Amino acid sequence: MRVDAFDFQLPPERIAQRPASPRGSARLLHVGGGLGDRRVGDLPDLLRPGDLLVFNDTRVIPARLFGMRGRARVELTLHKADATGSWWAFARPARRLRVGDRVEFGDGFAATVIAKADGGQARLSFDHSGTDLITALEAHGRMPLPPYIRRGRADARDRDDYQTLFAERPGAVAAPTAGLHFTPDLLDRLAARGIGNVRLTLHVGAGTFLPVKAERVRDHVMHAEWGEIGSTAAEAVNAARAAGGRVVGVGTTSLRLLESAVDDAGRVGPFRGDTDIFIYPGHRFRAVDLLLTNFHLPRSTLFMLVCAFAGTERMRAAYAHAVAADYRFYSYGDACLLERADGR
């Protein structure tokens, strides 16, 4: 399967630069037996009593840092913590960094390069840890906006705009953007309809924005991301399905973690650790029945995932409709509600 099979024409002006305001006012394309133009606020009418929404409660950290190695300026974007508390980062320019170098960010906040890897990566040991490190990043870092946000760097608005209502556990360097559309009022209306929700955690890494450079899909290597599904959440997912409800993954991050933790019988178990699951057409879905997600970029792993979920030809038709109807794409854009191609 070739990567160019997932290419399509996307006018640059369709990529949203700011989120819909107020939250919940974004458009929603319902992709089922046909295509339905709705609003995110219509979700209580599109879902059924007994359905279960699964949200990602990760919190984006200000992971973009600018520091000095001696007199050389270095830009670092953190993308994954390891078990020792050190962080892997994409460095620019990476050639300026050597193992043992110290990068100063100001006010006594610094890191030492302890390893390097391909792709411009450097492993950093900070002189802060735990909550002290998060506090230092809040003071010195910037929100790591995706590269297609043309203003180049985050501003004060992005500190709030790029966090979901559910953001509790710091560690992501990209937002689980399907969750950006939810408000307390929408959650109340969903609850009144008998639609429940649970939380899991997947710390989204910067690898989500990396282009697919391989010619064949199976040759692309996914970056690992850390996630956790607690026993309470796993039991709620299994109970909802056993009672005839549908599991609605809110975002590709929730879906990927659930599909990492499900067994052949369709039961989700507790999970804690890394996942590098790569979902593309041919994947057999066992954990998720509906997917709420934003619109994704051409040739991206995320567009491959939605094609796997809802069918490639159906998603091509849906995206062609979305472009023609002026839907807004990607992180700050509109959403779609997808039904599984197999109809189960």
C-alpha atoms as a PDB file:
ATOM      1  CA  MET A   1       0.000   0.000   0.000  1.00  0.00           C
ATOM      2  CA  ARG A   2       1.525   3.282  -1.134  1.00  0.00           C
ATOM      3  CA  VAL A   3       1.443   6.499   0.886  1.00  0.00           C
ATOM      4  CA  ASP A   4       0.344   8.513  -2.150  1.00  0.00           C
ATOM      5  CA  ALA A   5      -2.956   6.601  -2.042  1.00  0.00           C
ATOM      6  CA  PHE A   6      -3.799   8.897   0.883  1.00  0.00           C
ATOM      7  CA  ASP A   7      -3.056  12.154  -0.896  1.00  0.00           C
ATOM      8  CA  PHE A   8      -5.714  14.745  -1.705  1.00  0.00           C
ATOM      9  CA  GLN A   9      -5.905  18.415  -2.579  1.00  0.00           C
ATOM     10  CA  LEU A  10      -6.268  20.671   0.460  1.00  0.00           C
ATOM     11  CA  PRO A  11      -6.276  24.441  -0.145  1.00  0.00           C
ATOM     12  CA  PRO A  12      -4.039  26.106   2.478  1.00  0.00           C
ATOM     13  CA  GLU A  13      -6.854  28.462   3.474  1.00  0.00           C
ATOM     14  CA  ARG A  14      -8.843  25.473   4.767  1.00  0.00           C
ATOM     15  CA  ILE A  15      -6.335  24.963   7.622  1.00  0.00           C
ATOM     16  CA  ALA A  16      -7.781  26.752  10.665  1.00  0.00           C
ATOM     17  CA  GLN A  17      -5.526  29.279  12.359  1.00  0.00           C
ATOM     18  CA  ARG A  18      -7.779  29.873  15.395  1.00  0.00           C
ATOM     19  CA  PRO A  19     -10.436  27.686  17.006  1.00  0.00           C
ATOM     20  CA  ALA A  20     -14.156  28.250  16.659  1.00  0.00           C
ATOM     21  CA  SER A  21     -15.532  30.713  19.200  1.00  0.00           C
ATOM     22  CA  PRO A  22     -17.330  29.894  21.357  1.00  0.00           C
ATOM     23  CA  ARG A  23     -16.257  26.282  21.807  1.00  0.00           C
ATOM     24  CA  GLY A  24     -18.988  23.956  20.736  1.00  0.00           C
ATOM     25  CA  SER A  25     -19.941  26.106  17.747  1.00  0.00           C
ATOM     26  CA  ALA A  26     -17.690  24.217  15.347  1.00  0.00           C
ATOM     27  CA  ARG A  27     -19.249  22.376  12.430  1.00  0.00           C
ATOM     28  CA  LEU A  28     -19.622  18.600  12.474  1.00  0.00           C
ATOM     29  CA  LEU A  29     -19.766  16.316   9.445  1.00  0.00           C
ATOM     30  CA  HIS A  30     -21.618  13.098  10.246  1.00  0.00           C
ATOM     31  CA  VAL A  31     -20.179  10.304   8.108  1.00  0.00           C
ATOM     32  CA  GLY A  32     -22.424   7.252   8.157  1.00  0.00           C
ATOM     33  CA  GLY A  33     -24.621   5.845   5.427  1.00  0.00           C
ATOM     34  CA  GLY A  34     -24.480   9.337   3.937  1.00  0.00           C
ATOM     35  CA  LEU A  35     -23.048  12.742   4.796  1.00  0.00           C
ATOM     36  CA  GLY A  36     -24.811  15.088   7.200  1.00  0.00           C
ATOM     37  CA  ASP A  37     -23.814  18.705   7.889  1.00  0.00           C
ATOM     38  CA  ARG A  38     -24.350  19.385  11.589  1.00  0.00           C
ATOM     39  CA  ARG A  39     -22.798  21.228  14.547  1.00  0.00           C
ATOM     40  CA  VAL A  40     -20.807  19.782  17.440  1.00  0.00           C
ATOM     41  CA  GLY A  41     -23.652  20.949  19.641  1.00  0.00           C
ATOM     42  CA  ASP A  42     -25.879  18.381  17.886  1.00  0.00           C
ATOM     43  CA  LEU A  43     -23.978  15.443  19.426  1.00  0.00           C
ATOM     44  CA  PRO A  44     -26.690  14.632  21.993  1.00  0.00           C
ATOM     45  CA  ASP A  45     -29.088  14.038  19.079  1.00  0.00           C
ATOM     46  CA  LEU A  46     -26.583  11.958  17.081  1.00  0.00           C
ATOM     47  CA  LEU A  47     -25.660   9.630  19.949  1.00  0.00           C
ATOM     48  CA  ARG A  48     -27.859   7.227  21.900  1.00  0.00           C
ATOM     49  CA  PRO A  49     -28.567   6.701  25.596  1.00  0.00           C
ATOM     50  CA  GLY A  50     -26.041   4.180  26.858  1.00  0.00           C
ATOM     51  CA  ASP A  51     -23.250   5.345  24.541  1.00  0.00           C
ATOM     52  CA  LEU A  52     -19.930   6.152  26.215  1.00  0.00           C
ATOM     53  CA  LEU A  53     -17.550   8.964  25.247  1.00  0.00           C
ATOM     54  CA  VAL A  54     -13.853   8.333  25.951  1.00  0.00           C
ATOM     55  CA  PHE A  55     -11.797  11.493  26.481  1.00  0.00           C
ATOM     56  CA  ASN A  56      -8.040  12.012  26.721  1.00  0.00           C
ATOM     57  CA  ASP A  57      -7.146  14.009  29.852  1.00  0.00           C
ATOM     58  CA  THR A  58      -3.547  14.791  28.905  1.00  0.00           C
ATOM     59  CA  ARG A  59      -2.382  18.371  29.373  1.00  0.00           C
ATOM     60  CA  VAL A  60      -0.119  20.137  26.880  1.00  0.00           C
ATOM     61  CA  ILE A  61       3.089  21.481  28.392  1.00  0.00           C
ATOM     62  CA  PRO A  62       4.957  24.525  27.014  1.00  0.00           C
ATOM     63  CA  ALA A  63       7.435  22.200  25.339  1.00  0.00           C
ATOM     64  CA  ARG A  64       9.124  24.604  22.930  1.00  0.00           C
ATOM     65  CA  LEU A  65      12.307  26.016  24.458  1.00  0.00           C
ATOM     66  CA  PHE A  66      14.920  28.475  23.256  1.00  0.00           C
ATOM     67  CA  GLY A  67      18.285  28.320  24.972  1.00  0.00           C
ATOM     68  CA  MET A  68      21.974  29.016  24.607  1.00  0.00           C
ATOM     69  CA  ARG A  69      24.814  26.546  24.294  1.00  0.00           C
ATOM     70  CA  GLY A  70      27.635  28.966  24.971  1.00  0.00           C
ATOM     71  CA  ARG A  71      27.009  31.660  22.350  1.00  0.00           C
ATOM     72  CA  ALA A  72      24.991  29.427  20.038  1.00  0.00           C
ATOM     73  CA  ARG A  73      21.207  29.699  20.091  1.00  0.00           C
ATOM     74  CA  VAL A  74      19.365  26.351  20.151  1.00  0.00           C
ATOM     75  CA  GLU A  75      15.672  25.557  19.750  1.00  0.00           C
ATOM     76  CA  LEU A  76      14.354  22.426  21.447  1.00  0.00           C
ATOM     77  CA  THR A  77      10.903  20.852  21.214  1.00  0.00           C
ATOM     78  CA  LEU A  78      10.362  18.194  23.860  1.00  0.00           C
ATOM     79  CA  HIS A  79       8.434  15.192  22.613  1.00  0.00           C
ATOM     80  CA  LYS A  80       8.702  12.295  25.084  1.00  0.00           C
ATOM     81  CA  ALA A  81       9.824  11.683  28.653  1.00  0.00           C
ATOM     82  CA  ASP A  82      11.537   8.421  29.494  1.00  0.00           C
ATOM     83  CA  ALA A  83      11.424   6.326  32.640  1.00  0.00           C
ATOM     84  CA  THR A  84      14.405   8.146  34.176  1.00  0.00           C
ATOM     85  CA  GLY A  85      12.748  11.564  33.944  1.00  0.00           C
ATOM     86  CA  SER A  86      14.907  12.787  31.073  1.00  0.00           C
ATOM     87  CA  TRP A  87      13.288  14.055  27.863  1.00  0.00           C
ATOM     88  CA  TRP A  88      13.844  13.399  24.183  1.00  0.00           C
ATOM     89  CA  ALA A  89      13.637  16.561  22.106  1.00  0.00           C
ATOM     90  CA  PHE A  90      13.906  17.605  18.486  1.00  0.00           C
ATOM     91  CA  ALA A  91      16.791  20.067  18.287  1.00  0.00           C
ATOM     92  CA  ARG A  92      17.448  22.828  15.753  1.00  0.00           C
ATOM     93  CA  PRO A  93      20.172  22.946  14.663  1.00  0.00           C
ATOM     94  CA  ALA A  94      20.996  19.505  16.040  1.00  0.00           C
ATOM     95  CA  ARG A  95      24.579  19.629  14.772  1.00  0.00           C
ATOM     96  CA  ARG A  96      25.407  22.285  17.366  1.00  0.00           C
ATOM     97  CA  LEU A  97      24.760  19.901  20.221  1.00  0.00           C
ATOM     98  CA  ARG A  98      27.159  17.302  21.543  1.00  0.00           C
ATOM     99  CA  VAL A  99      26.816  14.870  24.426  1.00  0.00           C
ATOM    100  CA  GLY A 100      27.839  16.714  27.580  1.00  0.00           C
ATOM    101  CA  ASP A 101      26.765  20.153  26.329  1.00  0.00           C
ATOM    102  CA  ARG A 102      24.772  22.308  28.723  1.00  0.00           C
ATOM    103  CA  VAL A 103      21.899  24.432  27.416  1.00  0.00           C
ATOM    104  CA  GLU A 104      20.875  27.448  29.510  1.00  0.00           C
ATOM    105  CA  PHE A 105      17.323  28.800  29.401  1.00  0.00           C
ATOM    106  CA  GLY A 106      17.677  31.535  32.043  1.00  0.00           C
ATOM    107  CA  ASP A 107      16.947  31.983  35.757  1.00  0.00           C
ATOM    108  CA  GLY A 108      19.014  28.943  36.645  1.00  0.00           C
ATOM    109  CA  PHE A 109      16.985  26.627  34.419  1.00  0.00           C
ATOM    110  CA  ALA A 110      19.213  24.390  32.274  1.00  0.00           C
ATOM    111  CA  ALA A 111      19.612  20.931  30.767  1.00  0.00           C
ATOM    112  CA  THR A 112      22.508  18.687  29.802  1.00  0.00           C
ATOM    113  CA  VAL A 113      22.633  16.667  26.577  1.00  0.00           C
ATOM    114  CA  ILE A 114      23.109  13.018  27.562  1.00  0.00           C
ATOM    115  CA  ALA A 115      22.486  11.309  24.202  1.00  0.00           C
ATOM    116  CA  LYS A 116      21.733  11.982  20.548  1.00  0.00           C
ATOM    117  CA  ALA A 117      19.781  10.030  17.948  1.00  0.00           C
ATOM    118  CA  ASP A 118      18.769  10.188  14.308  1.00  0.00           C
ATOM    119  CA  GLY A 119      16.243  12.730  13.116  1.00  0.00           C
ATOM    120  CA  GLY A 120      17.770  15.652  15.006  1.00  0.00           C
ATOM    121  CA  GLN A 121      16.923  14.195  18.401  1.00  0.00           C
ATOM    122  CA  ALA A 122      18.716  14.900  21.660  1.00  0.00           C
ATOM    123  CA  ARG A 123      18.089  13.411  25.088  1.00  0.00           C
ATOM    124  CA  LEU A 124      18.114  15.989  27.855  1.00  0.00           C
ATOM    125  CA  SER A 125      18.620  15.750  31.599  1.00  0.00           C
ATOM    126  CA  PHE A 126      17.098  18.818  33.248  1.00  0.00           C
ATOM    127  CA  ASP A 127      18.249  20.249  36.551  1.00  0.00           C
ATOM    128  CA  HIS A 128      14.588  20.333  37.615  1.00  0.00           C
ATOM    129  CA  SER A 129      12.229  17.378  37.955  1.00  0.00           C
ATOM    130  CA  GLY A 130       8.603  16.600  38.654  1.00  0.00           C
ATOM    131  CA  THR A 131       6.373  19.569  39.394  1.00  0.00           C
ATOM    132  CA  ASP A 132       9.429  21.855  39.541  1.00  0.00           C
ATOM    133  CA  LEU A 133      10.172  21.021  35.909  1.00  0.00           C
ATOM    134  CA  ILE A 134       6.582  21.750  34.867  1.00  0.00           C
ATOM    135  CA  THR A 135       6.774  25.100  36.700  1.00  0.00           C
ATOM    136  CA  ALA A 136      10.026  25.955  34.923  1.00  0.00           C
ATOM    137  CA  LEU A 137       8.547  25.023  31.546  1.00  0.00           C
ATOM    138  CA  GLU A 138       5.513  27.212  32.258  1.00  0.00           C
ATOM    139  CA  ALA A 139       7.890  30.111  32.921  1.00  0.00           C
ATOM    140  CA  HIS A 140      10.325  29.581  30.036  1.00  0.00           C
ATOM    141  CA  GLY A 141       8.609  27.467  27.413  1.00  0.00           C
ATOM    142  CA  ARG A 142       6.116  28.217  24.678  1.00  0.00           C
ATOM    143  CA  MET A 143       3.149  26.176  23.552  1.00  0.00           C
ATOM    144  CA  PRO A 144       4.331  23.892  20.741  1.00  0.00           C
ATOM    145  CA  LEU A 145       1.884  24.889  18.020  1.00  0.00           C
ATOM    146  CA  PRO A 146       1.780  22.669  14.932  1.00  0.00           C
ATOM    147  CA  PRO A 147       3.897  23.799  11.962  1.00  0.00           C
ATOM    148  CA  TYR A 148       0.841  24.632   9.841  1.00  0.00           C
ATOM    149  CA  ILE A 149      -0.190  27.455  12.209  1.00  0.00           C
ATOM    150  CA  ARG A 150       1.258  30.205  10.081  1.00  0.00           C
ATOM    151  CA  ARG A 151       1.881  32.817  12.782  1.00  0.00           C
ATOM    152  CA  GLY A 152       4.859  30.666  13.764  1.00  0.00           C
ATOM    153  CA  ARG A 153       4.745  30.918  17.531  1.00  0.00           C
ATOM    154  CA  ALA A 154       2.117  30.638  20.214  1.00  0.00           C
ATOM    155  CA  ASP A 155       0.618  33.714  21.805  1.00  0.00           C
ATOM    156  CA  ALA A 156      -1.271  34.310  25.047  1.00  0.00           C
ATOM    157  CA  ARG A 157      -4.554  33.058  23.567  1.00  0.00           C
ATOM    158  CA  ASP A 158      -3.026  29.687  22.694  1.00  0.00           C
ATOM    159  CA  ARG A 159      -2.276  28.975  26.356  1.00  0.00           C
ATOM    160  CA  ASP A 160      -6.026  28.453  26.798  1.00  0.00           C
ATOM    161  CA  ASP A 161      -7.139  27.654  23.247  1.00  0.00           C
ATOM    162  CA  TYR A 162      -4.770  24.684  22.930  1.00  0.00           C
ATOM    163  CA  GLN A 163      -5.979  22.929  26.107  1.00  0.00           C
ATOM    164  CA  THR A 164      -9.101  20.820  26.370  1.00  0.00           C
ATOM    165  CA  LEU A 165     -11.680  21.021  29.142  1.00  0.00           C
ATOM    166  CA  PHE A 166     -10.326  17.681  30.412  1.00  0.00           C
ATOM    167  CA  ALA A 167      -6.615  18.614  30.560  1.00  0.00           C
ATOM    168  CA  GLU A 168      -5.303  17.404  33.914  1.00  0.00           C
ATOM    169  CA  ARG A 169      -2.147  15.318  33.525  1.00  0.00           C
ATOM    170  CA  PRO A 170       0.836  17.285  32.131  1.00  0.00           C
ATOM    171  CA  GLY A 171       2.959  15.560  29.527  1.00  0.00           C
ATOM    172  CA  ALA A 172       1.642  16.131  26.010  1.00  0.00           C
ATOM    173  CA  VAL A 173       3.336  18.314  23.431  1.00  0.00           C
ATOM    174  CA  ALA A 174       0.298  18.354  21.159  1.00  0.00           C
ATOM    175  CA  ALA A 175      -3.363  18.660  22.111  1.00  0.00           C
ATOM    176  CA  PRO A 176      -5.916  15.860  21.658  1.00  0.00           C
ATOM    177  CA  THR A 177      -7.803  18.324  19.510  1.00  0.00           C
ATOM    178  CA  ALA A 178     -11.180  16.588  19.176  1.00  0.00           C
ATOM    179  CA  GLY A 179     -11.649  17.392  22.865  1.00  0.00           C
ATOM    180  CA  LEU A 180     -11.296  21.127  22.218  1.00  0.00           C
ATOM    181  CA  HIS A 181     -14.932  21.305  21.087  1.00  0.00           C
ATOM    182  CA  PHE A 182     -16.469  20.298  24.420  1.00  0.00           C
ATOM    183  CA  THR A 183     -17.944  22.676  26.995  1.00  0.00           C
ATOM    184  CA  PRO A 184     -19.555  22.086  30.407  1.00  0.00           C
ATOM    185  CA  ASP A 185     -22.958  22.827  28.854  1.00  0.00           C
ATOM    186  CA  LEU A 186     -22.468  20.203  26.137  1.00  0.00           C
ATOM    187  CA  LEU A 187     -21.374  17.627  28.718  1.00  0.00           C
ATOM    188  CA  ASP A 188     -24.493  18.398  30.769  1.00  0.00           C
ATOM    189  CA  ARG A 189     -26.737  17.901  27.744  1.00  0.00           C
ATOM    190  CA  LEU A 190     -25.002  14.636  26.890  1.00  0.00           C
ATOM    191  CA  ALA A 191     -25.425  13.408  30.468  1.00  0.00           C
ATOM    192  CA  ALA A 192     -29.115  14.366  30.428  1.00  0.00           C
ATOM    193  CA  ARG A 193     -29.471  12.202  27.320  1.00  0.00           C
ATOM    194  CA  GLY A 194     -27.958   9.238  29.184  1.00  0.00           C
ATOM    195  CA  ILE A 195     -24.557   9.403  27.480  1.00  0.00           C
ATOM    196  CA  GLY A 196     -21.646   8.770  29.828  1.00  0.00           C
ATOM    197  CA  ASN A 197     -17.947   9.543  29.655  1.00  0.00           C
ATOM    198  CA  VAL A 198     -14.652   8.268  30.993  1.00  0.00           C
ATOM    199  CA  ARG A 199     -11.050   9.477  30.799  1.00  0.00           C
ATOM    200  CA  LEU A 200      -7.789   7.908  29.783  1.00  0.00           C
ATOM    201  CA  THR A 201      -4.366   9.475  29.234  1.00  0.00           C
ATOM    202  CA  LEU A 202      -2.179   9.476  26.149  1.00  0.00           C
ATOM    203  CA  HIS A 203       0.647  12.008  26.189  1.00  0.00           C
ATOM    204  CA  VAL A 204       0.635  13.075  22.551  1.00  0.00           C
ATOM    205  CA  GLY A 205       4.135  13.480  21.132  1.00  0.00           C
ATOM    206  CA  ALA A 206       5.504  15.828  18.488  1.00  0.00           C
ATOM    207  CA  GLY A 207       5.916  12.783  16.273  1.00  0.00           C
ATOM    208  CA  THR A 208       2.240  13.204  15.413  1.00  0.00           C
ATOM    209  CA  PHE A 209       3.282  16.087  13.135  1.00  0.00           C
ATOM    210  CA  LEU A 210       6.170  14.325  11.422  1.00  0.00           C
ATOM    211  CA  PRO A 211       5.636  13.818   7.684  1.00  0.00           C
ATOM    212  CA  VAL A 212       5.420  10.312   6.285  1.00  0.00           C
ATOM    213  CA  LYS A 213       8.569  10.068   4.150  1.00  0.00           C
ATOM    214  CA  ALA A 214       8.327   6.376   3.270  1.00  0.00           C
ATOM    215  CA  GLU A 215       6.839   5.414  -0.083  1.00  0.00           C
ATOM    216  CA  ARG A 216       5.016   2.433   1.380  1.00  0.00           C
ATOM    217  CA  VAL A 217       2.749   2.774   4.384  1.00  0.00           C
ATOM    218  CA  ARG A 218       4.136  -0.244   6.248  1.00  0.00           C
ATOM    219  CA  ASP A 219       7.651   1.239   6.155  1.00  0.00           C
ATOM    220  CA  HIS A 220       6.688   4.292   8.233  1.00  0.00           C
ATOM    221  CA  VAL A 221       7.873   4.141  11.859  1.00  0.00           C
ATOM    222  CA  MET A 222       5.627   5.656  14.526  1.00  0.00           C
ATOM    223  CA  HIS A 223       7.108   7.411  17.550  1.00  0.00           C
ATOM    224  CA  ALA A 224       6.089   5.781  20.834  1.00  0.00           C
ATOM    225  CA  GLU A 225       3.806   7.686  23.203  1.00  0.00           C
ATOM    226  CA  TRP A 226       3.064   6.983  26.860  1.00  0.00           C
ATOM    227  CA  GLY A 227      -0.483   6.177  27.909  1.00  0.00           C
ATOM    228  CA  GLU A 228      -2.579   4.852  30.764  1.00  0.00           C
ATOM    229  CA  ILE A 229      -6.048   3.329  31.056  1.00  0.00           C
ATOM    230  CA  GLY A 230      -7.141   2.780  34.646  1.00  0.00           C
ATOM    231  CA  SER A 231      -9.160  -0.230  35.728  1.00  0.00           C
ATOM    232  CA  THR A 232     -12.255   1.927  36.330  1.00  0.00           C
ATOM    233  CA  ALA A 233     -12.181   3.291  32.784  1.00  0.00           C
ATOM    234  CA  ALA A 234     -11.559  -0.148  31.294  1.00  0.00           C
ATOM    235  CA  GLU A 235     -14.475  -1.610  33.239  1.00  0.00           C
ATOM    236  CA  ALA A 236     -16.763   1.257  32.122  1.00  0.00           C
ATOM    237  CA  VAL A 237     -15.898   0.631  28.460  1.00  0.00           C
ATOM    238  CA  ASN A 238     -16.594  -3.087  28.771  1.00  0.00           C
ATOM    239  CA  ALA A 239     -19.816  -2.516  30.701  1.00  0.00           C
ATOM    240  CA  ALA A 240     -21.126  -0.034  28.120  1.00  0.00           C
ATOM    241  CA  ARG A 241     -20.596  -2.473  25.271  1.00  0.00           C
ATOM    242  CA  ALA A 242     -22.036  -5.382  27.234  1.00  0.00           C
ATOM    243  CA  ALA A 243     -25.195  -3.309  27.796  1.00  0.00           C
ATOM    244  CA  GLY A 244     -25.525  -2.549  24.075  1.00  0.00           C
ATOM    245  CA  GLY A 245     -23.993   0.913  24.159  1.00  0.00           C
ATOM    246  CA  ARG A 246     -21.425   2.170  21.714  1.00  0.00           C
ATOM    247  CA  VAL A 247     -17.915   3.331  22.601  1.00  0.00           C
ATOM    248  CA  VAL A 248     -17.148   6.734  21.074  1.00  0.00           C
ATOM    249  CA  GLY A 249     -13.460   7.555  20.847  1.00  0.00           C
ATOM    250  CA  VAL A 250     -13.023  11.312  21.209  1.00  0.00           C
ATOM    251  CA  GLY A 251     -10.000  11.816  19.026  1.00  0.00           C
ATOM    252  CA  THR A 252      -7.514   9.517  17.377  1.00  0.00           C
ATOM    253  CA  THR A 253      -5.448   9.481  20.586  1.00  0.00           C
ATOM    254  CA  SER A 254      -8.242   7.872  22.610  1.00  0.00           C
ATOM    255  CA  LEU A 255      -8.900   5.396  19.812  1.00  0.00           C
ATOM    256  CA  ARG A 256      -5.245   4.415  19.452  1.00  0.00           C
ATOM    257  CA  LEU A 257      -4.832   3.758  23.164  1.00  0.00           C
ATOM    258  CA  LEU A 258      -8.051   1.734  23.406  1.00  0.00           C
ATOM    259  CA  GLU A 259      -6.992  -0.336  20.401  1.00  0.00           C
ATOM    260  CA  SER A 260      -3.636  -0.900  22.116  1.00  0.00           C
ATOM    261  CA  ALA A 261      -5.337  -2.311  25.207  1.00  0.00           C
ATOM    262  CA  VAL A 262      -8.083  -4.527  23.735  1.00  0.00           C
ATOM    263  CA  ASP A 263      -7.912  -8.293  23.457  1.00  0.00           C
ATOM    264  CA  ASP A 264      -9.174 -10.530  20.649  1.00  0.00           C
ATOM    265  CA  ALA A 265     -12.542 -10.868  22.375  1.00  0.00           C
ATOM    266  CA  GLY A 266     -13.044  -7.091  22.381  1.00  0.00           C
ATOM    267  CA  ARG A 267     -12.437  -6.513  26.095  1.00  0.00           C
ATOM    268  CA  VAL A 268     -10.326  -3.541  27.131  1.00  0.00           C
ATOM    269  CA  GLY A 269      -7.934  -4.066  30.010  1.00  0.00           C
ATOM    270  CA  PRO A 270      -5.948  -1.650  32.186  1.00  0.00           C
ATOM    271  CA  PHE A 271      -2.894  -0.329  30.373  1.00  0.00           C
ATOM    272  CA  ARG A 272       0.182   1.608  31.408  1.00  0.00           C
ATOM    273  CA  GLY A 273       3.195   2.123  29.172  1.00  0.00           C
ATOM    274  CA  ASP A 274       4.261   3.047  25.657  1.00  0.00           C
ATOM    275  CA  THR A 275       2.317   2.429  22.479  1.00  0.00           C
ATOM    276  CA  ASP A 276       3.519   2.881  18.920  1.00  0.00           C
ATOM    277  CA  ILE A 277       0.427   1.369  17.293  1.00  0.00           C
ATOM    278  CA  PHE A 278       0.092   2.383  13.629  1.00  0.00           C
ATOM    279  CA  ILE A 279      -3.444   2.046  12.295  1.00  0.00           C
ATOM    280  CA  TYR A 280      -4.058   2.005   8.550  1.00  0.00           C
ATOM    281  CA  PRO A 281      -6.513   0.172   6.256  1.00  0.00           C
ATOM    282  CA  GLY A 282      -6.634  -3.497   7.104  1.00  0.00           C
ATOM    283  CA  HIS A 283      -6.711  -2.934  10.861  1.00  0.00           C
ATOM    284  CA  ARG A 284      -9.476  -4.814  12.662  1.00  0.00           C
ATOM    285  CA  PHE A 285     -11.117  -2.502  15.204  1.00  0.00           C
ATOM    286  CA  ARG A 286     -12.158  -4.192  18.438  1.00  0.00           C
ATOM    287  CA  ALA A 287     -12.636  -1.428  21.013  1.00  0.00           C
ATOM    288  CA  VAL A 288     -14.258   1.610  19.351  1.00  0.00           C
ATOM    289  CA  ASP A 289     -17.591   1.888  17.544  1.00  0.00           C
ATOM    290  CA  LEU A 290     -17.689   5.609  16.647  1.00  0.00           C
ATOM    291  CA  LEU A 291     -14.926   8.169  16.264  1.00  0.00           C
ATOM    292  CA  LEU A 292     -15.183  11.909  16.808  1.00  0.00           C
ATOM    293  CA  THR A 293     -12.161  13.564  15.244  1.00  0.00           C
ATOM    294  CA  ASN A 294     -11.011  16.684  13.455  1.00  0.00           C
ATOM    295  CA  PHE A 295     -10.114  16.793   9.753  1.00  0.00           C
ATOM    296  CA  HIS A 296      -6.567  15.697   8.987  1.00  0.00           C
ATOM    297  CA  LEU A 297      -3.865  16.556   6.503  1.00  0.00           C
ATOM    298  CA  PRO A 298      -3.082  14.687   3.255  1.00  0.00           C
ATOM    299  CA  ARG A 299      -0.637  11.754   3.463  1.00  0.00           C
ATOM    300  CA  SER A 300      -0.736  11.859   7.280  1.00  0.00           C
ATOM    301  CA  THR A 301      -0.923   8.834   9.565  1.00  0.00           C
ATOM    302  CA  LEU A 302      -4.127  10.322  10.980  1.00  0.00           C
ATOM    303  CA  PHE A 303      -5.844  10.377   7.578  1.00  0.00           C
ATOM    304  CA  MET A 304      -4.742   6.762   7.143  1.00  0.00           C
ATOM    305  CA  LEU A 305      -6.347   5.960  10.489  1.00  0.00           C
ATOM    306  CA  VAL A 306      -9.737   7.482   9.601  1.00  0.00           C
ATOM    307  CA  CYS A 307      -9.652   5.662   6.257  1.00  0.00           C
ATOM    308  CA  ALA A 308      -9.081   2.424   8.156  1.00  0.00           C
ATOM    309  CA  PHE A 309     -12.005   3.216  10.436  1.00  0.00           C
ATOM    310  CA  ALA A 310     -14.635   4.478   8.008  1.00  0.00           C
ATOM    311  CA  GLY A 311     -13.380   3.247   4.625  1.00  0.00           C
ATOM    312  CA  THR A 312     -10.985   4.954   2.226  1.00  0.00           C
ATOM    313  CA  GLU A 313     -13.494   5.784  -0.499  1.00  0.00           C
ATOM    314  CA  ARG A 314     -16.044   7.032   2.004  1.00  0.00           C
ATOM    315  CA  MET A 315     -13.433   9.285   3.632  1.00  0.00           C
ATOM    316  CA  ARG A 316     -12.268  10.597   0.262  1.00  0.00           C
ATOM    317  CA  ALA A 317     -15.878  11.555  -0.499  1.00  0.00           C
ATOM    318  CA  ALA A 318     -16.316  13.078   2.956  1.00  0.00           C
ATOM    319  CA  TYR A 319     -13.139  15.162   2.683  1.00  0.00           C
ATOM    320  CA  ALA A 320     -14.041  16.331  -0.831  1.00  0.00           C
ATOM    321  CA  HIS A 321     -17.384  17.450   0.564  1.00  0.00           C
ATOM    322  CA  ALA A 322     -15.681  19.155   3.515  1.00  0.00           C
ATOM    323  CA  VAL A 323     -13.305  21.104   1.248  1.00  0.00           C
ATOM    324  CA  ALA A 324     -16.129  22.178  -1.071  1.00  0.00           C
ATOM    325  CA  ALA A 325     -18.338  23.173   1.879  1.00  0.00           C
ATOM    326  CA  ASP A 326     -15.595  25.273   3.532  1.00  0.00           C
ATOM    327  CA  TYR A 327     -15.038  23.111   6.595  1.00  0.00           C
ATOM    328  CA  ARG A 328     -11.969  24.094   8.633  1.00  0.00           C
ATOM    329  CA  PHE A 329      -9.187  21.512   8.903  1.00  0.00           C
ATOM    330  CA  TYR A 330      -6.857  20.150  11.540  1.00  0.00           C
ATOM    331  CA  SER A 331      -6.042  21.121  15.123  1.00  0.00           C
ATOM    332  CA  TYR A 332      -8.159  24.268  15.413  1.00  0.00           C
ATOM    333  CA  GLY A 333     -10.674  23.151  12.808  1.00  0.00           C
ATOM    334  CA  ASP A 334     -14.081  21.510  12.607  1.00  0.00           C
ATOM    335  CA  ALA A 335     -14.954  17.923  13.466  1.00  0.00           C
ATOM    336  CA  CYS A 336     -16.501  14.807  11.974  1.00  0.00           C
ATOM    337  CA  LEU A 337     -18.359  11.921  13.576  1.00  0.00           C
ATOM    338  CA  LEU A 338     -17.432   8.668  11.868  1.00  0.00           C
ATOM    339  CA  GLU A 339     -19.285   5.375  11.880  1.00  0.00           C
ATOM    340  CA  ARG A 340     -17.246   2.230  11.330  1.00  0.00           C
ATOM    341  CA  ALA A 341     -17.068   0.932   7.789  1.00  0.00           C
ATOM    342  CA  ASP A 342     -18.155  -2.540   8.889  1.00  0.00           C
ATOM    343  CA  GLY A 343     -21.306  -1.065  10.438  1.00  0.00           C
ATOM    344  CA  ARG A 344     -20.812  -2.851  13.751  1.00  0.00           C
END
